[in-house]
Amino acid sequence: MAVSGLGTQVGTTLVYTYCTDSYKPQSGEIGAILNLFKSTFAFTIGFYALPFSEKSGYDVAFGILAMINVIAIFPLIFMLFNGKRARERQGVPKEHQDL
C-alpha cells in the first residue's frame, strides 16, 4: 500500500510541477483536473486493493499495483526529456492569453 501511495504522490507531483511550469495561465485548471484523478485513483486503491489482496495474496496484489505505478511513470520520464520539443510542436495555447 505504501508503494502505491508513494507512486501516486510522486506521479501527481511531477505532472503538476511540469504542467504548471509549462502552462502557467492554465495552472488552475491543471490543478483541478489532477486532484480529480488523484482522488479517483486513491479511492479505487482503497476500495479494491484490500479485496484483491485477500483473494490473490498481498505479495501478488501489491506487486501488481507497484508495476502499474512503474508503468505510469514512464510517460512522465519521457516528457521530462522530450517535453520542450512536444510543446514547441503544439504551439502556444490559445486559452487565457490575456493573463
Protein backbone atom coordinates (compact mmCIF):
# COMPACT_ATOMS: atom_id res chain seq x y z
CA MET A 1 0.00 0.00 0.00
CA ALA A 2 2.87 2.36 0.76
CA VAL A 3 4.46 1.79 -2.66
CA SER A 4 1.17 2.55 -4.38
CA GLY A 5 0.60 5.67 -2.29
CA LEU A 6 4.15 6.84 -2.89
CA GLY A 7 3.77 6.28 -6.63
CA THR A 8 0.54 8.24 -6.69
CA GLN A 9 2.09 11.15 -4.83
CA VAL A 10 5.32 11.20 -6.86
CA GLY A 11 3.44 10.91 -10.15
CA THR A 12 0.98 13.69 -9.45
CA THR A 13 3.69 15.97 -8.07
CA LEU A 14 5.80 15.51 -11.20
CA VAL A 15 2.84 16.09 -13.52
CA TYR A 16 1.62 19.12 -11.59
CA THR A 17 5.05 20.73 -11.49
CA TYR A 18 5.74 20.07 -15.17
CA CYS A 19 2.34 21.34 -16.32
CA THR A 20 2.30 24.47 -14.19
CA ASP A 21 5.84 25.38 -15.22
CA SER A 22 5.00 24.84 -18.88
CA TYR A 23 1.48 26.31 -18.94
CA LYS A 24 1.30 28.93 -16.19
CA PRO A 25 -2.01 30.57 -17.27
CA GLN A 26 -3.77 27.19 -17.21
CA SER A 27 -2.39 26.12 -13.82
CA GLY A 28 -5.76 26.44 -12.06
CA GLU A 29 -7.45 24.05 -14.47
CA ILE A 30 -4.48 21.70 -14.33
CA GLY A 31 -4.64 21.55 -10.54
CA ALA A 32 -8.37 20.81 -10.55
CA ILE A 33 -8.04 18.00 -13.09
CA LEU A 34 -5.05 16.43 -11.33
CA ASN A 35 -6.82 16.50 -7.96
CA LEU A 36 -9.84 14.81 -9.56
CA PHE A 37 -7.70 12.00 -10.98
CA LYS A 38 -5.65 11.66 -7.79
CA SER A 39 -8.80 11.38 -5.66
CA THR A 40 -10.34 8.88 -8.05
CA PHE A 41 -7.20 6.76 -8.10
CA ALA A 42 -6.81 6.91 -4.32
CA PHE A 43 -10.43 5.79 -3.89
CA THR A 44 -10.01 2.82 -6.21
CA ILE A 45 -6.87 1.69 -4.40
CA GLY A 46 -8.56 1.80 -1.03
CA PHE A 47 -11.77 0.25 -2.30
CA TYR A 48 -10.41 -2.54 -4.49
CA ALA A 49 -6.90 -3.25 -3.21
CA LEU A 50 -7.86 -4.99 0.01
CA PRO A 51 -10.42 -7.41 -1.52
CA PHE A 52 -7.98 -8.07 -4.38
CA SER A 53 -5.13 -8.74 -1.96
CA GLU A 54 -7.24 -11.04 0.20
CA LYS A 55 -8.22 -13.06 -2.84
CA SER A 56 -4.84 -13.28 -4.60
CA GLY A 57 -2.40 -12.69 -1.75
CA TYR A 58 -0.77 -9.49 -0.58
CA ASP A 59 2.52 -10.06 -2.38
CA VAL A 60 0.80 -10.57 -5.75
CA ALA A 61 -1.70 -7.72 -5.34
CA PHE A 62 0.74 -5.06 -4.25
CA GLY A 63 3.33 -6.28 -6.74
CA ILE A 64 0.77 -5.62 -9.47
CA LEU A 65 -0.05 -2.20 -8.03
CA ALA A 66 3.65 -1.35 -7.89
CA MET A 67 4.06 -2.38 -11.53
CA ILE A 68 1.12 -0.17 -12.51
CA ASN A 69 2.89 2.76 -10.84
CA VAL A 70 6.18 1.97 -12.58
CA ILE A 71 4.44 1.79 -15.96
CA ALA A 72 2.60 5.06 -15.27
CA ILE A 73 5.88 6.86 -14.52
CA PHE A 74 7.41 6.08 -17.95
CA PRO A 75 5.43 8.77 -19.83
CA LEU A 76 6.46 11.28 -17.17
CA ILE A 77 10.13 10.47 -17.65
CA PHE A 78 9.65 10.74 -21.42
CA MET A 79 8.09 14.19 -21.03
CA LEU A 80 10.90 15.35 -18.76
CA PHE A 81 13.40 14.75 -21.55
CA ASN A 82 11.25 15.47 -24.63
CA GLY A 83 8.65 17.90 -23.32
CA LYS A 84 10.19 21.01 -24.79
CA ARG A 85 10.02 19.58 -28.32
CA ALA A 86 6.40 18.49 -27.77
CA ARG A 87 5.41 21.96 -26.52
CA GLU A 88 7.12 23.63 -29.47
CA ARG A 89 5.18 21.41 -31.90
CA GLN A 90 1.88 22.21 -30.17
CA GLY A 91 2.43 25.94 -30.18
CA VAL A 92 1.13 28.46 -27.67
CA PRO A 93 -2.28 27.62 -26.12
CA LYS A 94 -4.98 29.99 -27.27
CA GLU A 95 -6.87 29.98 -23.95
CA HIS A 96 -6.08 32.61 -21.30
CA GLN A 97 -3.67 34.60 -23.44
CA ASP A 98 -4.78 37.76 -21.65
CA LEU A 99 -3.30 36.58 -18.34
